[in-house]
Each structure stands twice: as C-alpha cells, then as structure tokens.
PDB file of all heavy atoms in Angstrom:
ATOM      1  N   GLN A   1     151.203  77.199 116.524  1.00  0.00           N
ATOM      2  CA  GLN A   1     151.359  76.237 117.615  1.00  0.00           C
ATOM      3  C   GLN A   1     150.010  75.840 118.194  1.00  0.00           C
ATOM      4  O   GLN A   1     149.769  74.671 118.490  1.00  0.00           O
ATOM      5  CB  GLN A   1     152.266  76.802 118.707  1.00  0.00           C
ATOM      6  CG  GLN A   1     153.711  76.845 118.308  1.00  0.00           C
ATOM      7  CD  GLN A   1     154.589  77.526 119.348  1.00  0.00           C
ATOM      8  OE1 GLN A   1     154.128  78.311 120.165  1.00  0.00           O
ATOM      9  NE2 GLN A   1     155.884  77.230 119.302  1.00  0.00           N
ATOM     10  N   ALA A   2     149.132  76.814 118.359  1.00  0.00           N
ATOM     11  CA  ALA A   2     147.802  76.529 118.897  1.00  0.00           C
ATOM     12  C   ALA A   2     147.029  75.621 117.943  1.00  0.00           C
ATOM     13  O   ALA A   2     146.369  74.666 118.372  1.00  0.00           O
ATOM     14  CB  ALA A   2     147.034  77.828 119.136  1.00  0.00           C
ATOM     15  N   PHE A   3     147.128  75.913 116.653  1.00  0.00           N
ATOM     16  CA  PHE A   3     146.427  75.094 115.667  1.00  0.00           C
ATOM     17  C   PHE A   3     146.987  73.676 115.641  1.00  0.00           C
ATOM     18  O   PHE A   3     146.234  72.701 115.591  1.00  0.00           O
ATOM     19  CB  PHE A   3     146.525  75.732 114.276  1.00  0.00           C
ATOM     20  CG  PHE A   3     145.818  74.934 113.224  1.00  0.00           C
ATOM     21  CD1 PHE A   3     144.437  74.940 113.149  1.00  0.00           C
ATOM     22  CD2 PHE A   3     146.532  74.158 112.328  1.00  0.00           C
ATOM     23  CE1 PHE A   3     143.776  74.188 112.190  1.00  0.00           C
ATOM     24  CE2 PHE A   3     145.885  73.414 111.365  1.00  0.00           C
ATOM     25  CZ  PHE A   3     144.499  73.426 111.292  1.00  0.00           C
ATOM     26  N   GLN A   4     148.316  73.551 115.695  1.00  0.00           N
ATOM     27  CA  GLN A   4     148.935  72.230 115.681  1.00  0.00           C
ATOM     28  C   GLN A   4     148.562  71.433 116.931  1.00  0.00           C
ATOM     29  O   GLN A   4     148.360  70.214 116.847  1.00  0.00           O
ATOM     30  CB  GLN A   4     150.450  72.349 115.547  1.00  0.00           C
ATOM     31  CG  GLN A   4     150.878  72.755 114.156  1.00  0.00           C
ATOM     32  CD  GLN A   4     152.367  73.013 114.036  1.00  0.00           C
ATOM     33  OE1 GLN A   4     153.066  73.191 115.028  1.00  0.00           O
ATOM     34  NE2 GLN A   4     152.860  73.046 112.803  1.00  0.00           N
ATOM     35  N   ALA A   5     148.439  72.090 118.064  1.00  0.00           N
ATOM     36  CA  ALA A   5     148.016  71.405 119.288  1.00  0.00           C
ATOM     37  C   ALA A   5     146.596  70.884 119.133  1.00  0.00           C
ATOM     38  O   ALA A   5     146.282  69.760 119.543  1.00  0.00           O
ATOM     39  CB  ALA A   5     148.119  72.349 120.480  1.00  0.00           C
ATOM     40  N   ALA A   6     145.728  71.685 118.524  1.00  0.00           N
ATOM     41  CA  ALA A   6     144.345  71.253 118.288  1.00  0.00           C
ATOM     42  C   ALA A   6     144.315  70.077 117.325  1.00  0.00           C
ATOM     43  O   ALA A   6     143.569  69.107 117.531  1.00  0.00           O
ATOM     44  CB  ALA A   6     143.517  72.413 117.739  1.00  0.00           C
ATOM     45  N   GLN A   7     145.115  70.153 116.292  1.00  0.00           N
ATOM     46  CA  GLN A   7     145.191  69.077 115.305  1.00  0.00           C
ATOM     47  C   GLN A   7     145.652  67.778 115.976  1.00  0.00           C
ATOM     48  O   GLN A   7     145.072  66.716 115.758  1.00  0.00           O
ATOM     49  CB  GLN A   7     146.192  69.497 114.234  1.00  0.00           C
ATOM     50  CG  GLN A   7     145.903  69.070 112.859  1.00  0.00           C
ATOM     51  CD  GLN A   7     146.846  69.736 111.857  1.00  0.00           C
ATOM     52  OE1 GLN A   7     147.922  70.238 112.204  1.00  0.00           O
ATOM     53  NE2 GLN A   7     146.433  69.752 110.611  1.00  0.00           N
ATOM     54  N   GLN A   8     146.689  67.882 116.791  1.00  0.00           N
ATOM     55  CA  GLN A   8     147.229  66.710 117.476  1.00  0.00           C
ATOM     56  C   GLN A   8     146.204  66.129 118.454  1.00  0.00           C
ATOM     57  O   GLN A   8     146.036  64.913 118.525  1.00  0.00           O
ATOM     58  CB  GLN A   8     148.510  67.070 118.217  1.00  0.00           C
ATOM     59  CG  GLN A   8     149.141  65.893 118.924  1.00  0.00           C
ATOM     60  CD  GLN A   8     150.434  66.275 119.626  1.00  0.00           C
ATOM     61  OE1 GLN A   8     150.828  67.438 119.667  1.00  0.00           O
ATOM     62  NE2 GLN A   8     151.099  65.296 120.188  1.00  0.00           N
ATOM     63  N   ALA A   9     145.508  66.976 119.169  1.00  0.00           N
ATOM     64  CA  ALA A   9     144.497  66.502 120.114  1.00  0.00           C
ATOM     65  C   ALA A   9     143.378  65.767 119.375  1.00  0.00           C
ATOM     66  O   ALA A   9     142.882  64.741 119.844  1.00  0.00           O
ATOM     67  CB  ALA A   9     143.920  67.673 120.915  1.00  0.00           C
ATOM     68  N   PHE A  10     143.010  66.281 118.216  1.00  0.00           N
ATOM     69  CA  PHE A  10     141.965  65.636 117.429  1.00  0.00           C
ATOM     70  C   PHE A  10     142.416  64.266 116.933  1.00  0.00           C
ATOM     71  O   PHE A  10     141.661  63.292 116.992  1.00  0.00           O
ATOM     72  CB  PHE A  10     141.552  66.526 116.257  1.00  0.00           C
ATOM     73  CG  PHE A  10     140.420  65.955 115.464  1.00  0.00           C
ATOM     74  CD1 PHE A  10     139.127  66.019 115.939  1.00  0.00           C
ATOM     75  CD2 PHE A  10     140.646  65.331 114.249  1.00  0.00           C
ATOM     76  CE1 PHE A  10     138.072  65.471 115.221  1.00  0.00           C
ATOM     77  CE2 PHE A  10     139.614  64.783 113.527  1.00  0.00           C
ATOM     78  CZ  PHE A  10     138.314  64.854 114.015  1.00  0.00           C
ATOM     79  N   VAL A  11     143.649  64.178 116.474  1.00  0.00           N
ATOM     80  CA  VAL A  11     144.189  62.902 115.988  1.00  0.00           C
ATOM     81  C   VAL A  11     144.251  61.882 117.136  1.00  0.00           C
ATOM     82  O   VAL A  11     143.895  60.717 116.965  1.00  0.00           O
ATOM     83  CB  VAL A  11     145.576  63.101 115.344  1.00  0.00           C
ATOM     84  CG1 VAL A  11     146.282  61.781 115.106  1.00  0.00           C
ATOM     85  CG2 VAL A  11     145.438  63.865 114.032  1.00  0.00           C
ATOM     86  N   GLN A  12     144.666  62.321 118.314  1.00  0.00           N
ATOM     87  CA  GLN A  12     144.726  61.422 119.469  1.00  0.00           C
ATOM     88  C   GLN A  12     143.332  60.932 119.840  1.00  0.00           C
ATOM     89  O   GLN A  12     143.149  59.766 120.191  1.00  0.00           O
ATOM     90  CB  GLN A  12     145.380  62.119 120.661  1.00  0.00           C
ATOM     91  CG  GLN A  12     146.859  62.315 120.484  1.00  0.00           C
ATOM     92  CD  GLN A  12     147.492  63.123 121.602  1.00  0.00           C
ATOM     93  OE1 GLN A  12     146.886  64.030 122.172  1.00  0.00           O
ATOM     94  NE2 GLN A  12     148.734  62.808 121.903  1.00  0.00           N
ATOM     95  N   LEU A  13     142.358  61.809 119.735  1.00  0.00           N
ATOM     96  CA  LEU A  13     140.978  61.411 120.011  1.00  0.00           C
ATOM     97  C   LEU A  13     140.517  60.369 118.999  1.00  0.00           C
ATOM     98  O   LEU A  13     139.939  59.346 119.376  1.00  0.00           O
ATOM     99  CB  LEU A  13     140.054  62.618 119.978  1.00  0.00           C
ATOM    100  CG  LEU A  13     138.558  62.324 119.993  1.00  0.00           C
ATOM    101  CD1 LEU A  13     138.154  61.574 121.257  1.00  0.00           C
ATOM    102  CD2 LEU A  13     137.760  63.604 119.835  1.00  0.00           C
ATOM    103  N   GLU A  14     140.787  60.618 117.734  1.00  0.00           N
ATOM    104  CA  GLU A  14     140.395  59.657 116.696  1.00  0.00           C
ATOM    105  C   GLU A  14     141.047  58.295 116.931  1.00  0.00           C
ATOM    106  O   GLU A  14     140.398  57.265 116.789  1.00  0.00           O
ATOM    107  CB  GLU A  14     140.783  60.162 115.309  1.00  0.00           C
ATOM    108  CG  GLU A  14     139.855  61.182 114.741  1.00  0.00           C
ATOM    109  CD  GLU A  14     140.195  61.510 113.296  1.00  0.00           C
ATOM    110  OE1 GLU A  14     141.389  61.626 112.965  1.00  0.00           O
ATOM    111  OE2 GLU A  14     139.254  61.647 112.503  1.00  0.00           O
ATOM    112  N   ASP A  15     142.318  58.303 117.300  1.00  0.00           N
ATOM    113  CA  ASP A  15     143.026  57.047 117.572  1.00  0.00           C
ATOM    114  C   ASP A  15     142.370  56.291 118.724  1.00  0.00           C
ATOM    115  O   ASP A  15     142.134  55.083 118.628  1.00  0.00           O
ATOM    116  CB  ASP A  15     144.500  57.300 117.892  1.00  0.00           C
ATOM    117  CG  ASP A  15     145.310  57.705 116.679  1.00  0.00           C
ATOM    118  OD1 ASP A  15     144.822  57.523 115.541  1.00  0.00           O
ATOM    119  OD2 ASP A  15     146.436  58.204 116.875  1.00  0.00           O
ATOM    120  N   ALA A  16     142.087  56.997 119.798  1.00  0.00           N
ATOM    121  CA  ALA A  16     141.461  56.364 120.962  1.00  0.00           C
ATOM    122  C   ALA A  16     140.081  55.822 120.590  1.00  0.00           C
ATOM    123  O   ALA A  16     139.708  54.712 120.987  1.00  0.00           O
ATOM    124  CB  ALA A  16     141.355  57.357 122.117  1.00  0.00           C
ATOM    125  N   TYR A  17     139.332  56.596 119.811  1.00  0.00           N
ATOM    126  CA  TYR A  17     137.986  56.175 119.414  1.00  0.00           C
ATOM    127  C   TYR A  17     138.038  54.935 118.525  1.00  0.00           C
ATOM    128  O   TYR A  17     137.233  54.011 118.679  1.00  0.00           O
ATOM    129  CB  TYR A  17     137.280  57.326 118.686  1.00  0.00           C
ATOM    130  CG  TYR A  17     135.859  57.000 118.316  1.00  0.00           C
ATOM    131  CD1 TYR A  17     134.850  57.029 119.271  1.00  0.00           C
ATOM    132  CD2 TYR A  17     135.517  56.658 117.003  1.00  0.00           C
ATOM    133  CE1 TYR A  17     133.537  56.724 118.933  1.00  0.00           C
ATOM    134  CE2 TYR A  17     134.217  56.350 116.665  1.00  0.00           C
ATOM    135  CZ  TYR A  17     133.231  56.389 117.636  1.00  0.00           C
ATOM    136  OH  TYR A  17     131.936  56.078 117.303  1.00  0.00           O
ATOM    137  N   GLN A  18     138.988  54.878 117.609  1.00  0.00           N
ATOM    138  CA  GLN A  18     139.103  53.743 116.705  1.00  0.00           C
ATOM    139  C   GLN A  18     139.542  52.476 117.423  1.00  0.00           C
ATOM    140  O   GLN A  18     139.300  51.376 116.938  1.00  0.00           O
ATOM    141  CB  GLN A  18     140.060  54.075 115.563  1.00  0.00           C
ATOM    142  CG  GLN A  18     139.489  55.089 114.601  1.00  0.00           C
ATOM    143  CD  GLN A  18     140.477  55.538 113.550  1.00  0.00           C
ATOM    144  OE1 GLN A  18     141.630  55.143 113.546  1.00  0.00           O
ATOM    145  NE2 GLN A  18     140.027  56.399 112.653  1.00  0.00           N
ATOM    146  N   GLN A  19     140.168  52.620 118.571  1.00  0.00           N
ATOM    147  CA  GLN A  19     140.616  51.464 119.335  1.00  0.00           C
ATOM    148  C   GLN A  19     139.532  50.890 120.244  1.00  0.00           C
ATOM    149  O   GLN A  19     139.739  49.846 120.865  1.00  0.00           O
ATOM    150  CB  GLN A  19     141.852  51.828 120.160  1.00  0.00           C
ATOM    151  CG  GLN A  19     143.065  52.086 119.304  1.00  0.00           C
ATOM    152  CD  GLN A  19     144.270  52.498 120.123  1.00  0.00           C
ATOM    153  OE1 GLN A  19     144.310  52.362 121.332  1.00  0.00           O
ATOM    154  NE2 GLN A  19     145.289  53.006 119.452  1.00  0.00           N
ATOM    155  N   LEU A  20     138.380  51.557 120.305  1.00  0.00           N
ATOM    156  CA  LEU A  20     137.286  51.024 121.122  1.00  0.00           C
ATOM    157  C   LEU A  20     136.866  49.647 120.607  1.00  0.00           C
ATOM    158  O   LEU A  20     136.657  49.467 119.413  1.00  0.00           O
ATOM    159  CB  LEU A  20     136.072  51.949 121.074  1.00  0.00           C
ATOM    160  CG  LEU A  20     136.076  53.165 121.978  1.00  0.00           C
ATOM    161  CD1 LEU A  20     134.817  53.991 121.749  1.00  0.00           C
ATOM    162  CD2 LEU A  20     136.193  52.788 123.431  1.00  0.00           C
ATOM    163  N   ASP A  21     136.763  48.715 121.524  1.00  0.00           N
ATOM    164  CA  ASP A  21     136.348  47.354 121.188  1.00  0.00           C
ATOM    165  C   ASP A  21     135.379  46.878 122.261  1.00  0.00           C
ATOM    166  O   ASP A  21     135.786  46.579 123.381  1.00  0.00           O
ATOM    167  CB  ASP A  21     137.565  46.432 121.110  1.00  0.00           C
ATOM    168  CG  ASP A  21     137.208  44.995 120.792  1.00  0.00           C
ATOM    169  OD1 ASP A  21     136.022  44.700 120.496  1.00  0.00           O
ATOM    170  OD2 ASP A  21     138.121  44.154 120.836  1.00  0.00           O
ATOM    171  N   GLU A  22     134.106  46.846 121.910  1.00  0.00           N
ATOM    172  CA  GLU A  22     133.073  46.462 122.879  1.00  0.00           C
ATOM    173  C   GLU A  22     133.283  45.062 123.440  1.00  0.00           C
ATOM    174  O   GLU A  22     132.794  44.751 124.519  1.00  0.00           O
ATOM    175  CB  GLU A  22     131.690  46.574 122.247  1.00  0.00           C
ATOM    176  CG  GLU A  22     131.276  47.993 121.947  1.00  0.00           C
ATOM    177  CD  GLU A  22     129.895  48.074 121.316  1.00  0.00           C
ATOM    178  OE1 GLU A  22     129.152  47.072 121.348  1.00  0.00           O
ATOM    179  OE2 GLU A  22     129.563  49.145 120.791  1.00  0.00           O
ATOM    180  N   GLN A  23     133.996  44.214 122.738  1.00  0.00           N
ATOM    181  CA  GLN A  23     134.235  42.845 123.179  1.00  0.00           C
ATOM    182  C   GLN A  23     135.440  42.730 124.115  1.00  0.00           C
ATOM    183  O   GLN A  23     135.655  41.691 124.734  1.00  0.00           O
ATOM    184  CB  GLN A  23     134.460  41.935 121.962  1.00  0.00           C
ATOM    185  CG  GLN A  23     133.335  41.984 120.945  1.00  0.00           C
ATOM    186  CD  GLN A  23     131.981  41.628 121.544  1.00  0.00           C
ATOM    187  OE1 GLN A  23     131.879  40.689 122.326  1.00  0.00           O
ATOM    188  NE2 GLN A  23     130.964  42.387 121.197  1.00  0.00           N
ATOM    189  N   SER A  24     136.207  43.796 124.214  1.00  0.00           N
ATOM    190  CA  SER A  24     137.422  43.784 125.019  1.00  0.00           C
ATOM    191  C   SER A  24     137.103  43.878 126.506  1.00  0.00           C
ATOM    192  O   SER A  24     136.201  44.617 126.905  1.00  0.00           O
ATOM    193  CB  SER A  24     138.318  44.955 124.622  1.00  0.00           C
ATOM    194  OG  SER A  24     139.413  45.065 125.513  1.00  0.00           O
ATOM    195  N   PRO A  25     137.845  43.151 127.337  1.00  0.00           N
ATOM    196  CA  PRO A  25     137.660  43.299 128.783  1.00  0.00           C
ATOM    197  C   PRO A  25     138.087  44.692 129.268  1.00  0.00           C
ATOM    198  O   PRO A  25     137.697  45.113 130.349  1.00  0.00           O
ATOM    199  CB  PRO A  25     138.565  42.219 129.383  1.00  0.00           C
ATOM    200  CG  PRO A  25     139.446  41.739 128.295  1.00  0.00           C
ATOM    201  CD  PRO A  25     138.821  42.127 126.998  1.00  0.00           C
ATOM    202  N   ASP A  26     138.847  45.410 128.453  1.00  0.00           N
ATOM    203  CA  ASP A  26     139.283  46.761 128.796  1.00  0.00           C
ATOM    204  C   ASP A  26     138.359  47.842 128.234  1.00  0.00           C
ATOM    205  O   ASP A  26     138.725  49.018 128.216  1.00  0.00           O
ATOM    206  CB  ASP A  26     140.693  47.008 128.246  1.00  0.00           C
ATOM    207  CG  ASP A  26     141.753  46.202 128.956  1.00  0.00           C
ATOM    208  OD1 ASP A  26     141.535  45.842 130.130  1.00  0.00           O
ATOM    209  OD2 ASP A  26     142.798  45.921 128.335  1.00  0.00           O
ATOM    210  N   TYR A  27     137.169  47.467 127.797  1.00  0.00           N
ATOM    211  CA  TYR A  27     136.264  48.410 127.147  1.00  0.00           C
ATOM    212  C   TYR A  27     135.966  49.616 128.043  1.00  0.00           C
ATOM    213  O   TYR A  27     135.941  50.754 127.568  1.00  0.00           O
ATOM    214  CB  TYR A  27     134.967  47.727 126.728  1.00  0.00           C
ATOM    215  CG  TYR A  27     134.016  48.642 125.998  1.00  0.00           C
ATOM    216  CD1 TYR A  27     134.319  49.098 124.728  1.00  0.00           C
ATOM    217  CD2 TYR A  27     132.823  49.051 126.583  1.00  0.00           C
ATOM    218  CE1 TYR A  27     133.460  49.944 124.045  1.00  0.00           C
ATOM    219  CE2 TYR A  27     131.953  49.896 125.910  1.00  0.00           C
ATOM    220  CZ  TYR A  27     132.277  50.339 124.639  1.00  0.00           C
ATOM    221  OH  TYR A  27     131.428  51.178 123.966  1.00  0.00           O
ATOM    222  N   GLY A  28     135.767  49.389 129.320  1.00  0.00           N
ATOM    223  CA  GLY A  28     135.488  50.495 130.240  1.00  0.00           C
ATOM    224  C   GLY A  28     136.650  51.469 130.291  1.00  0.00           C
ATOM    225  O   GLY A  28     136.459  52.695 130.253  1.00  0.00           O
ATOM    226  N   HIS A  29     137.848  50.935 130.354  1.00  0.00           N
ATOM    227  CA  HIS A  29     139.043  51.785 130.368  1.00  0.00           C
ATOM    228  C   HIS A  29     139.190  52.525 129.038  1.00  0.00           C
ATOM    229  O   HIS A  29     139.532  53.712 129.012  1.00  0.00           O
ATOM    230  CB  HIS A  29     140.291  50.939 130.648  1.00  0.00           C
ATOM    231  CG  HIS A  29     141.562  51.705 130.612  1.00  0.00           C
ATOM    232  ND1 HIS A  29     141.916  52.610 131.581  1.00  0.00           N
ATOM    233  CD2 HIS A  29     142.572  51.727 129.698  1.00  0.00           C
ATOM    234  CE1 HIS A  29     143.086  53.152 131.271  1.00  0.00           C
ATOM    235  NE2 HIS A  29     143.504  52.621 130.127  1.00  0.00           N
TER     236      HIS A  29
END
C-alpha cells in the first residue's frame, strides 16, 4: 500500500508537470 501510494503520487506529479503551459493564463496556478 505504501509503495502504491508513492507510485500514484509520482504519476500525479508527472501529470501536473506535463500540463504546464507557459503560454496559459493559468500558468501560475
């Protein structure tokens, strides 16, 4: 369970990072 939580947290981080768009008005958020 601990490992799966770490795996999930890493995937969520990757998703958030890949959605970064410097041209977006929501870039700060």
